[in-house]
Amino acid sequence: MDTVAENWLTARARDVRIWRWLVILLAVGLMVFMLPIPRVAIVALIFGVAVVKAVLVVRDYMHLKAEHLFIYVIAFVPVLILLGLLLALIPDIALRR
């Protein structure tokens, strides 16, 4: 086989492997509702699974593995702003009457 065909098969195998992980994580997210745990834990687990799936999609399907550090800084700044907003609103939420 030539190099182009081998690269295509390798990329296809990687994509199928990631797709399988995404399907497994989807099943885990749906099955969490059957666990006898509090609703807060269910929501936390679902969001955790969603974050893992988002990282898989962004890293592999959007080809961000090959990007430089600057693209991660650009993506991380809104997360810091969100955390700052949440920390600023905690007193209002906690002291609400």
PDB file of N, CA and C in Angstrom:
ATOM      1  N   MET A   1       0.839  -1.190   0.000  1.00  0.00           N
ATOM      2  CA  MET A   1       0.000   0.000   0.000  1.00  0.00           C
ATOM      3  C   MET A   1       0.875   1.241   0.000  1.00  0.00           C
ATOM      4  N   ASP A   2       0.371   2.246  -0.629  1.00  0.00           N
ATOM      5  CA  ASP A   2       1.141   3.485  -0.627  1.00  0.00           C
ATOM      6  C   ASP A   2       0.854   4.283   0.641  1.00  0.00           C
ATOM      7  N   THR A   3       1.613   5.314   0.850  1.00  0.00           N
ATOM      8  CA  THR A   3       1.547   6.096   2.081  1.00  0.00           C
ATOM      9  C   THR A   3       0.224   6.811   2.251  1.00  0.00           C
ATOM     10  N   VAL A   4      -0.351   7.315   1.167  1.00  0.00           N
ATOM     11  CA  VAL A   4      -1.624   8.037   1.257  1.00  0.00           C
ATOM     12  C   VAL A   4      -2.730   7.113   1.739  1.00  0.00           C
ATOM     13  N   ALA A   5      -2.783   5.918   1.202  1.00  0.00           N
ATOM     14  CA  ALA A   5      -3.819   4.960   1.615  1.00  0.00           C
ATOM     15  C   ALA A   5      -3.625   4.542   3.063  1.00  0.00           C
ATOM     16  N   GLU A   6      -2.382   4.351   3.476  1.00  0.00           N
ATOM     17  CA  GLU A   6      -2.122   3.983   4.868  1.00  0.00           C
ATOM     18  C   GLU A   6      -2.518   5.105   5.819  1.00  0.00           C
ATOM     19  N   ASN A   7      -2.210   6.330   5.458  1.00  0.00           N
ATOM     20  CA  ASN A   7      -2.600   7.472   6.298  1.00  0.00           C
ATOM     21  C   ASN A   7      -4.112   7.589   6.384  1.00  0.00           C
ATOM     22  N   TRP A   8      -4.802   7.350   5.272  1.00  0.00           N
ATOM     23  CA  TRP A   8      -6.262   7.441   5.272  1.00  0.00           C
ATOM     24  C   TRP A   8      -6.856   6.366   6.168  1.00  0.00           C
ATOM     25  N   LEU A   9      -6.320   5.142   6.072  1.00  0.00           N
ATOM     26  CA  LEU A   9      -6.839   4.061   6.912  1.00  0.00           C
ATOM     27  C   LEU A   9      -6.553   4.317   8.384  1.00  0.00           C
ATOM     28  N   THR A  10      -5.406   4.866   8.689  1.00  0.00           N
ATOM     29  CA  THR A  10      -5.078   5.189  10.077  1.00  0.00           C
ATOM     30  C   THR A  10      -6.003   6.275  10.618  1.00  0.00           C
ATOM     31  N   ALA A  11      -6.248   7.302   9.817  1.00  0.00           N
ATOM     32  CA  ALA A  11      -7.145   8.378  10.238  1.00  0.00           C
ATOM     33  C   ALA A  11      -8.560   7.856  10.402  1.00  0.00           C
ATOM     34  N   ARG A  12      -8.990   6.990   9.497  1.00  0.00           N
ATOM     35  CA  ARG A  12     -10.343   6.423   9.590  1.00  0.00           C
ATOM     36  C   ARG A  12     -10.478   5.565  10.846  1.00  0.00           C
ATOM     37  N   ALA A  13      -9.467   4.764  11.150  1.00  0.00           N
ATOM     38  CA  ALA A  13      -9.518   3.925  12.353  1.00  0.00           C
ATOM     39  C   ALA A  13      -9.579   4.797  13.600  1.00  0.00           C
ATOM     40  N   ARG A  14      -8.830   5.904  13.621  1.00  0.00           N
ATOM     41  CA  ARG A  14      -8.872   6.822  14.761  1.00  0.00           C
ATOM     42  C   ARG A  14     -10.258   7.448  14.905  1.00  0.00           C
ATOM     43  N   ASP A  15     -10.840   7.856  13.784  1.00  0.00           N
ATOM     44  CA  ASP A  15     -12.178   8.459  13.836  1.00  0.00           C
ATOM     45  C   ASP A  15     -13.222   7.471  14.335  1.00  0.00           C
ATOM     46  N   VAL A  16     -13.125   6.229  13.906  1.00  0.00           N
ATOM     47  CA  VAL A  16     -14.079   5.208  14.362  1.00  0.00           C
ATOM     48  C   VAL A  16     -13.899   4.944  15.849  1.00  0.00           C
ATOM     49  N   ARG A  17     -12.660   4.923  16.309  1.00  0.00           N
ATOM     50  CA  ARG A  17     -12.394   4.707  17.742  1.00  0.00           C
ATOM     51  C   ARG A  17     -12.976   5.844  18.585  1.00  0.00           C
ATOM     52  N   ILE A  18     -12.816   7.066  18.123  1.00  0.00           N
ATOM     53  CA  ILE A  18     -13.375   8.217  18.850  1.00  0.00           C
ATOM     54  C   ILE A  18     -14.897   8.164  18.819  1.00  0.00           C
ATOM     55  N   TRP A  19     -15.453   7.802  17.677  1.00  0.00           N
ATOM     56  CA  TRP A  19     -16.916   7.686  17.568  1.00  0.00           C
ATOM     57  C   TRP A  19     -17.438   6.647  18.551  1.00  0.00           C
ATOM     58  N   ARG A  20     -16.732   5.534  18.679  1.00  0.00           N
ATOM     59  CA  ARG A  20     -17.158   4.503  19.643  1.00  0.00           C
ATOM     60  C   ARG A  20     -17.141   5.058  21.069  1.00  0.00           C
ATOM     61  N   TRP A  21     -16.101   5.803  21.420  1.00  0.00           N
ATOM     62  CA  TRP A  21     -16.051   6.403  22.755  1.00  0.00           C
ATOM     63  C   TRP A  21     -17.206   7.371  22.963  1.00  0.00           C
ATOM     64  N   LEU A  22     -17.541   8.135  21.921  1.00  0.00           N
ATOM     65  CA  LEU A  22     -18.660   9.068  22.047  1.00  0.00           C
ATOM     66  C   LEU A  22     -19.979   8.331  22.251  1.00  0.00           C
ATOM     67  N   VAL A  23     -20.170   7.218  21.571  1.00  0.00           N
ATOM     68  CA  VAL A  23     -21.396   6.422  21.744  1.00  0.00           C
ATOM     69  C   VAL A  23     -21.433   5.821  23.146  1.00  0.00           C
ATOM     70  N   ILE A  24     -20.304   5.328  23.626  1.00  0.00           N
ATOM     71  CA  ILE A  24     -20.247   4.768  24.986  1.00  0.00           C
ATOM     72  C   ILE A  24     -20.571   5.845  26.013  1.00  0.00           C
ATOM     73  N   LEU A  25     -20.000   7.032  25.840  1.00  0.00           N
ATOM     74  CA  LEU A  25     -20.276   8.123  26.779  1.00  0.00           C
ATOM     75  C   LEU A  25     -21.731   8.573  26.699  1.00  0.00           C
ATOM     76  N   LEU A  26     -22.328   8.513  25.516  1.00  0.00           N
ATOM     77  CA  LEU A  26     -23.752   8.811  25.388  1.00  0.00           C
ATOM     78  C   LEU A  26     -24.580   7.814  26.193  1.00  0.00           C
ATOM     79  N   ALA A  27     -24.253   6.531  26.066  1.00  0.00           N
ATOM     80  CA  ALA A  27     -24.968   5.501  26.826  1.00  0.00           C
ATOM     81  C   ALA A  27     -24.794   5.703  28.328  1.00  0.00           C
ATOM     82  N   VAL A  28     -23.591   6.061  28.748  1.00  0.00           N
ATOM     83  CA  VAL A  28     -23.342   6.318  30.180  1.00  0.00           C
ATOM     84  C   VAL A  28     -24.189   7.495  30.648  1.00  0.00           C
ATOM     85  N   GLY A  29     -24.242   8.551  29.844  1.00  0.00           N
ATOM     86  CA  GLY A  29     -25.050   9.713  30.208  1.00  0.00           C
ATOM     87  C   GLY A  29     -26.527   9.392  30.319  1.00  0.00           C
ATOM     88  N   LEU A  30     -27.010   8.505  29.472  1.00  0.00           N
ATOM     89  CA  LEU A  30     -28.418   8.125  29.541  1.00  0.00           C
ATOM     90  C   LEU A  30     -28.702   7.164  30.685  1.00  0.00           C
ATOM     91  N   MET A  31     -27.746   6.323  31.027  1.00  0.00           N
ATOM     92  CA  MET A  31     -27.946   5.336  32.088  1.00  0.00           C
ATOM     93  C   MET A  31     -27.792   5.924  33.488  1.00  0.00           C
ATOM     94  N   VAL A  32     -27.233   7.116  33.579  1.00  0.00           N
ATOM     95  CA  VAL A  32     -27.035   7.742  34.894  1.00  0.00           C
ATOM     96  C   VAL A  32     -28.372   7.928  35.600  1.00  0.00           C
ATOM     97  N   PHE A  33     -29.433   8.141  34.844  1.00  0.00           N
ATOM     98  CA  PHE A  33     -30.743   8.355  35.451  1.00  0.00           C
ATOM     99  C   PHE A  33     -31.238   7.131  36.209  1.00  0.00           C
ATOM    100  N   MET A  34     -30.722   5.955  35.903  1.00  0.00           N
ATOM    101  CA  MET A  34     -31.168   4.735  36.573  1.00  0.00           C
ATOM    102  C   MET A  34     -30.447   4.501  37.900  1.00  0.00           C
ATOM    103  N   LEU A  35     -29.405   5.272  38.171  1.00  0.00           N
ATOM    104  CA  LEU A  35     -28.656   5.082  39.416  1.00  0.00           C
ATOM    105  C   LEU A  35     -29.422   5.667  40.607  1.00  0.00           C
ATOM    106  N   PRO A  36     -29.377   4.984  41.743  1.00  0.00           N
ATOM    107  CA  PRO A  36     -30.080   5.493  42.928  1.00  0.00           C
ATOM    108  C   PRO A  36     -29.224   6.517  43.685  1.00  0.00           C
ATOM    109  N   ILE A  37     -28.971   7.642  43.059  1.00  0.00           N
ATOM    110  CA  ILE A  37     -28.172   8.699  43.671  1.00  0.00           C
ATOM    111  C   ILE A  37     -28.955   9.998  43.613  1.00  0.00           C
ATOM    112  N   PRO A  38     -28.574  10.984  44.412  1.00  0.00           N
ATOM    113  CA  PRO A  38     -29.309  12.256  44.423  1.00  0.00           C
ATOM    114  C   PRO A  38     -29.251  12.965  43.064  1.00  0.00           C
ATOM    115  N   ARG A  39     -30.224  13.809  42.852  1.00  0.00           N
ATOM    116  CA  ARG A  39     -30.349  14.526  41.583  1.00  0.00           C
ATOM    117  C   ARG A  39     -29.127  15.404  41.298  1.00  0.00           C
ATOM    118  N   VAL A  40     -28.561  15.984  42.331  1.00  0.00           N
ATOM    119  CA  VAL A  40     -27.382  16.837  42.153  1.00  0.00           C
ATOM    120  C   VAL A  40     -26.216  16.019  41.598  1.00  0.00           C
ATOM    121  N   ALA A  41     -26.032  14.818  42.101  1.00  0.00           N
ATOM    122  CA  ALA A  41     -24.958  13.950  41.604  1.00  0.00           C
ATOM    123  C   ALA A  41     -25.223  13.527  40.164  1.00  0.00           C
ATOM    124  N   ILE A  42     -26.477  13.277  39.836  1.00  0.00           N
ATOM    125  CA  ILE A  42     -26.833  12.914  38.456  1.00  0.00           C
ATOM    126  C   ILE A  42     -26.485  14.044  37.510  1.00  0.00           C
ATOM    127  N   VAL A  43     -26.860  15.255  37.874  1.00  0.00           N
ATOM    128  CA  VAL A  43     -26.565  16.409  37.029  1.00  0.00           C
ATOM    129  C   VAL A  43     -25.057  16.603  36.895  1.00  0.00           C
ATOM    130  N   ALA A  44     -24.319  16.429  37.982  1.00  0.00           N
ATOM    131  CA  ALA A  44     -22.864  16.575  37.933  1.00  0.00           C
ATOM    132  C   ALA A  44     -22.235  15.524  37.023  1.00  0.00           C
ATOM    133  N   LEU A  45     -22.710  14.291  37.110  1.00  0.00           N
ATOM    134  CA  LEU A  45     -22.191  13.237  36.241  1.00  0.00           C
ATOM    135  C   LEU A  45     -22.495  13.505  34.769  1.00  0.00           C
ATOM    136  N   ILE A  46     -23.713  13.970  34.495  1.00  0.00           N
ATOM    137  CA  ILE A  46     -24.080  14.255  33.112  1.00  0.00           C
ATOM    138  C   ILE A  46     -23.215  15.380  32.546  1.00  0.00           C
ATOM    139  N   PHE A  47     -22.997  16.418  33.347  1.00  0.00           N
ATOM    140  CA  PHE A  47     -22.138  17.506  32.877  1.00  0.00           C
ATOM    141  C   PHE A  47     -20.685  17.047  32.718  1.00  0.00           C
ATOM    142  N   GLY A  48     -20.226  16.183  33.606  1.00  0.00           N
ATOM    143  CA  GLY A  48     -18.876  15.638  33.467  1.00  0.00           C
ATOM    144  C   GLY A  48     -18.711  14.844  32.186  1.00  0.00           C
ATOM    145  N   VAL A  49     -19.688  14.003  31.878  1.00  0.00           N
ATOM    146  CA  VAL A  49     -19.653  13.232  30.633  1.00  0.00           C
ATOM    147  C   VAL A  49     -19.710  14.170  29.431  1.00  0.00           C
ATOM    148  N   ALA A  50     -20.520  15.219  29.515  1.00  0.00           N
ATOM    149  CA  ALA A  50     -20.618  16.173  28.415  1.00  0.00           C
ATOM    150  C   ALA A  50     -19.290  16.896  28.183  1.00  0.00           C
ATOM    151  N   VAL A  51     -18.587  17.211  29.258  1.00  0.00           N
ATOM    152  CA  VAL A  51     -17.281  17.870  29.112  1.00  0.00           C
ATOM    153  C   VAL A  51     -16.286  16.933  28.436  1.00  0.00           C
ATOM    154  N   VAL A  52     -16.281  15.668  28.826  1.00  0.00           N
ATOM    155  CA  VAL A  52     -15.374  14.705  28.207  1.00  0.00           C
ATOM    156  C   VAL A  52     -15.686  14.555  26.724  1.00  0.00           C
ATOM    157  N   LYS A  53     -16.977  14.473  26.385  1.00  0.00           N
ATOM    158  CA  LYS A  53     -17.351  14.362  24.969  1.00  0.00           C
ATOM    159  C   LYS A  53     -16.951  15.611  24.195  1.00  0.00           C
ATOM    160  N   ALA A  54     -17.134  16.771  24.790  1.00  0.00           N
ATOM    161  CA  ALA A  54     -16.750  18.009  24.108  1.00  0.00           C
ATOM    162  C   ALA A  54     -15.245  18.067  23.879  1.00  0.00           C
ATOM    163  N   VAL A  55     -14.465  17.629  24.856  1.00  0.00           N
ATOM    164  CA  VAL A  55     -13.009  17.615  24.686  1.00  0.00           C
ATOM    165  C   VAL A  55     -12.609  16.661  23.561  1.00  0.00           C
ATOM    166  N   LEU A  56     -13.242  15.497  23.497  1.00  0.00           N
ATOM    167  CA  LEU A  56     -12.941  14.563  22.412  1.00  0.00           C
ATOM    168  C   LEU A  56     -13.247  15.170  21.047  1.00  0.00           C
ATOM    169  N   VAL A  57     -14.399  15.794  20.926  1.00  0.00           N
ATOM    170  CA  VAL A  57     -14.786  16.376  19.639  1.00  0.00           C
ATOM    171  C   VAL A  57     -13.871  17.530  19.262  1.00  0.00           C
ATOM    172  N   VAL A  58     -13.611  18.416  20.200  1.00  0.00           N
ATOM    173  CA  VAL A  58     -12.774  19.582  19.906  1.00  0.00           C
ATOM    174  C   VAL A  58     -11.352  19.152  19.577  1.00  0.00           C
ATOM    175  N   ARG A  59     -10.823  18.224  20.343  1.00  0.00           N
ATOM    176  CA  ARG A  59      -9.431  17.829  20.149  1.00  0.00           C
ATOM    177  C   ARG A  59      -9.218  17.061  18.853  1.00  0.00           C
ATOM    178  N   ASP A  60     -10.114  16.127  18.548  1.00  0.00           N
ATOM    179  CA  ASP A  60      -9.855  15.240  17.420  1.00  0.00           C
ATOM    180  C   ASP A  60     -10.569  15.645  16.136  1.00  0.00           C
ATOM    181  N   TYR A  61     -11.826  16.023  16.211  1.00  0.00           N
ATOM    182  CA  TYR A  61     -12.547  16.354  14.982  1.00  0.00           C
ATOM    183  C   TYR A  61     -12.297  17.778  14.516  1.00  0.00           C
ATOM    184  N   MET A  62     -11.954  18.665  15.437  1.00  0.00           N
ATOM    185  CA  MET A  62     -11.652  20.041  15.047  1.00  0.00           C
ATOM    186  C   MET A  62     -10.149  20.253  14.888  1.00  0.00           C
ATOM    187  N   HIS A  63      -9.369  19.194  15.058  1.00  0.00           N
ATOM    188  CA  HIS A  63      -7.927  19.184  14.812  1.00  0.00           C
ATOM    189  C   HIS A  63      -7.175  20.222  15.650  1.00  0.00           C
ATOM    190  N   LEU A  64      -7.569  20.375  16.901  1.00  0.00           N
ATOM    191  CA  LEU A  64      -6.887  21.326  17.767  1.00  0.00           C
ATOM    192  C   LEU A  64      -5.642  20.738  18.418  1.00  0.00           C
ATOM    193  N   LYS A  65      -5.361  19.458  18.176  1.00  0.00           N
ATOM    194  CA  LYS A  65      -4.134  18.883  18.713  1.00  0.00           C
ATOM    195  C   LYS A  65      -2.908  19.533  18.079  1.00  0.00           C
ATOM    196  N   ALA A  66      -3.054  19.991  16.839  1.00  0.00           N
ATOM    197  CA  ALA A  66      -1.920  20.550  16.111  1.00  0.00           C
ATOM    198  C   ALA A  66      -1.782  22.061  16.302  1.00  0.00           C
ATOM    199  N   GLU A  67      -2.676  22.662  17.059  1.00  0.00           N
ATOM    200  CA  GLU A  67      -2.631  24.120  17.239  1.00  0.00           C
ATOM    201  C   GLU A  67      -1.582  24.516  18.279  1.00  0.00           C
ATOM    202  N   HIS A  68      -1.218  25.769  18.235  1.00  0.00           N
ATOM    203  CA  HIS A  68      -0.259  26.302  19.188  1.00  0.00           C
ATOM    204  C   HIS A  68      -0.956  26.657  20.494  1.00  0.00           C
ATOM    205  N   LEU A  69      -0.179  27.044  21.477  1.00  0.00           N
ATOM    206  CA  LEU A  69      -0.692  27.355  22.809  1.00  0.00           C
ATOM    207  C   LEU A  69      -1.658  28.534  22.793  1.00  0.00           C
ATOM    208  N   PHE A  70      -1.495  29.452  21.861  1.00  0.00           N
ATOM    209  CA  PHE A  70      -2.322  30.658  21.824  1.00  0.00           C
ATOM    210  C   PHE A  70      -3.805  30.336  21.670  1.00  0.00           C
ATOM    211  N   ILE A  71      -4.142  29.325  20.899  1.00  0.00           N
ATOM    212  CA  ILE A  71      -5.554  28.979  20.703  1.00  0.00           C
ATOM    213  C   ILE A  71      -6.175  28.488  22.014  1.00  0.00           C
ATOM    214  N   TYR A  72      -5.375  27.829  22.850  1.00  0.00           N
ATOM    215  CA  TYR A  72      -5.886  27.373  24.143  1.00  0.00           C
ATOM    216  C   TYR A  72      -6.065  28.539  25.104  1.00  0.00           C
ATOM    217  N   VAL A  73      -5.197  29.514  25.017  1.00  0.00           N
ATOM    218  CA  VAL A  73      -5.343  30.717  25.843  1.00  0.00           C
ATOM    219  C   VAL A  73      -6.624  31.444  25.455  1.00  0.00           C
ATOM    220  N   ILE A  74      -6.882  31.538  24.157  1.00  0.00           N
ATOM    221  CA  ILE A  74      -8.109  32.187  23.687  1.00  0.00           C
ATOM    222  C   ILE A  74      -9.342  31.444  24.204  1.00  0.00           C
ATOM    223  N   ALA A  75      -9.300  30.134  24.231  1.00  0.00           N
ATOM    224  CA  ALA A  75     -10.438  29.352  24.710  1.00  0.00           C
ATOM    225  C   ALA A  75     -10.569  29.388  26.222  1.00  0.00           C
ATOM    226  N   PHE A  76      -9.462  29.583  26.939  1.00  0.00           N
ATOM    227  CA  PHE A  76      -9.478  29.535  28.395  1.00  0.00           C
ATOM    228  C   PHE A  76      -9.944  30.843  29.022  1.00  0.00           C
ATOM    229  N   VAL A  77      -9.776  31.951  28.343  1.00  0.00           N
ATOM    230  CA  VAL A  77     -10.167  33.255  28.889  1.00  0.00           C
ATOM    231  C   VAL A  77     -11.666  33.321  29.190  1.00  0.00           C
ATOM    232  N   PRO A  78     -12.565  32.896  28.290  1.00  0.00           N
ATOM    233  CA  PRO A  78     -13.990  32.917  28.652  1.00  0.00           C
ATOM    234  C   PRO A  78     -14.324  32.035  29.851  1.00  0.00           C
ATOM    235  N   VAL A  79     -13.598  30.946  30.020  1.00  0.00           N
ATOM    236  CA  VAL A  79     -13.832  30.086  31.190  1.00  0.00           C
ATOM    237  C   VAL A  79     -13.474  30.835  32.467  1.00  0.00           C
ATOM    238  N   LEU A  80     -12.379  31.569  32.441  1.00  0.00           N
ATOM    239  CA  LEU A  80     -12.002  32.378  33.606  1.00  0.00           C
ATOM    240  C   LEU A  80     -13.041  33.468  33.892  1.00  0.00           C
ATOM    241  N   ILE A  81     -13.555  34.088  32.844  1.00  0.00           N
ATOM    242  CA  ILE A  81     -14.590  35.109  33.027  1.00  0.00           C
ATOM    243  C   ILE A  81     -15.846  34.488  33.628  1.00  0.00           C
ATOM    244  N   LEU A  82     -16.222  33.305  33.162  1.00  0.00           N
ATOM    245  CA  LEU A  82     -17.390  32.609  33.703  1.00  0.00           C
ATOM    246  C   LEU A  82     -17.188  32.278  35.179  1.00  0.00           C
ATOM    247  N   LEU A  83     -16.015  31.772  35.523  1.00  0.00           N
ATOM    248  CA  LEU A  83     -15.745  31.461  36.934  1.00  0.00           C
ATOM    249  C   LEU A  83     -15.788  32.721  37.799  1.00  0.00           C
ATOM    250  N   GLY A  84     -15.242  33.816  37.291  1.00  0.00           N
ATOM    251  CA  GLY A  84     -15.305  35.078  38.034  1.00  0.00           C
ATOM    252  C   GLY A  84     -16.733  35.543  38.231  1.00  0.00           C
ATOM    253  N   LEU A  85     -17.549  35.410  37.206  1.00  0.00           N
ATOM    254  CA  LEU A  85     -18.964  35.784  37.310  1.00  0.00           C
ATOM    255  C   LEU A  85     -19.681  34.918  38.338  1.00  0.00           C
ATOM    256  N   LEU A  86     -19.422  33.620  38.291  1.00  0.00           N
ATOM    257  CA  LEU A  86     -20.053  32.726  39.260  1.00  0.00           C
ATOM    258  C   LEU A  86     -19.625  33.051  40.684  1.00  0.00           C
ATOM    259  N   LEU A  87     -18.347  33.305  40.888  1.00  0.00           N
ATOM    260  CA  LEU A  87     -17.871  33.660  42.227  1.00  0.00           C
ATOM    261  C   LEU A  87     -18.453  34.988  42.700  1.00  0.00           C
ATOM    262  N   ALA A  88     -18.643  35.916  41.778  1.00  0.00           N
ATOM    263  CA  ALA A  88     -19.222  37.203  42.160  1.00  0.00           C
ATOM    264  C   ALA A  88     -20.704  37.076  42.513  1.00  0.00           C
ATOM    265  N   LEU A  89     -21.391  36.114  41.913  1.00  0.00           N
ATOM    266  CA  LEU A  89     -22.830  35.956  42.159  1.00  0.00           C
ATOM    267  C   LEU A  89     -23.157  35.026  43.321  1.00  0.00           C
ATOM    268  N   ILE A  90     -22.178  34.321  43.841  1.00  0.00           N
ATOM    269  CA  ILE A  90     -22.457  33.394  44.941  1.00  0.00           C
ATOM    270  C   ILE A  90     -23.100  34.096  46.141  1.00  0.00           C
ATOM    271  N   PRO A  91     -22.645  35.267  46.582  1.00  0.00           N
ATOM    272  CA  PRO A  91     -23.318  35.904  47.728  1.00  0.00           C
ATOM    273  C   PRO A  91     -24.792  36.239  47.429  1.00  0.00           C
ATOM    274  N   ASP A  92     -25.075  36.679  46.214  1.00  0.00           N
ATOM    275  CA  ASP A  92     -26.466  36.996  45.874  1.00  0.00           C
ATOM    276  C   ASP A  92     -27.340  35.749  45.877  1.00  0.00           C
ATOM    277  N   ILE A  93     -26.799  34.659  45.385  1.00  0.00           N
ATOM    278  CA  ILE A  93     -27.573  33.419  45.327  1.00  0.00           C
ATOM    279  C   ILE A  93     -27.735  32.820  46.730  1.00  0.00           C
ATOM    280  N   ALA A  94     -26.669  32.826  47.512  1.00  0.00           N
ATOM    281  CA  ALA A  94     -26.716  32.221  48.834  1.00  0.00           C
ATOM    282  C   ALA A  94     -27.551  33.025  49.832  1.00  0.00           C
ATOM    283  N   LEU A  95     -27.560  34.348  49.713  1.00  0.00           N
ATOM    284  CA  LEU A  95     -28.269  35.193  50.663  1.00  0.00           C
ATOM    285  C   LEU A  95     -29.652  35.617  50.167  1.00  0.00           C
ATOM    286  N   ARG A  96     -30.107  35.003  49.097  1.00  0.00           N
ATOM    287  CA  ARG A  96     -31.431  35.329  48.562  1.00  0.00           C
ATOM    288  C   ARG A  96     -32.509  34.910  49.570  1.00  0.00           C
ATOM    289  N   ARG A  97     -33.484  35.787  49.764  1.00  0.00           N
ATOM    290  CA  ARG A  97     -34.551  35.471  50.724  1.00  0.00           C
ATOM    291  C   ARG A  97     -35.888  35.493  50.060  1.00  0.00           C
TER     292      ARG A  97
END
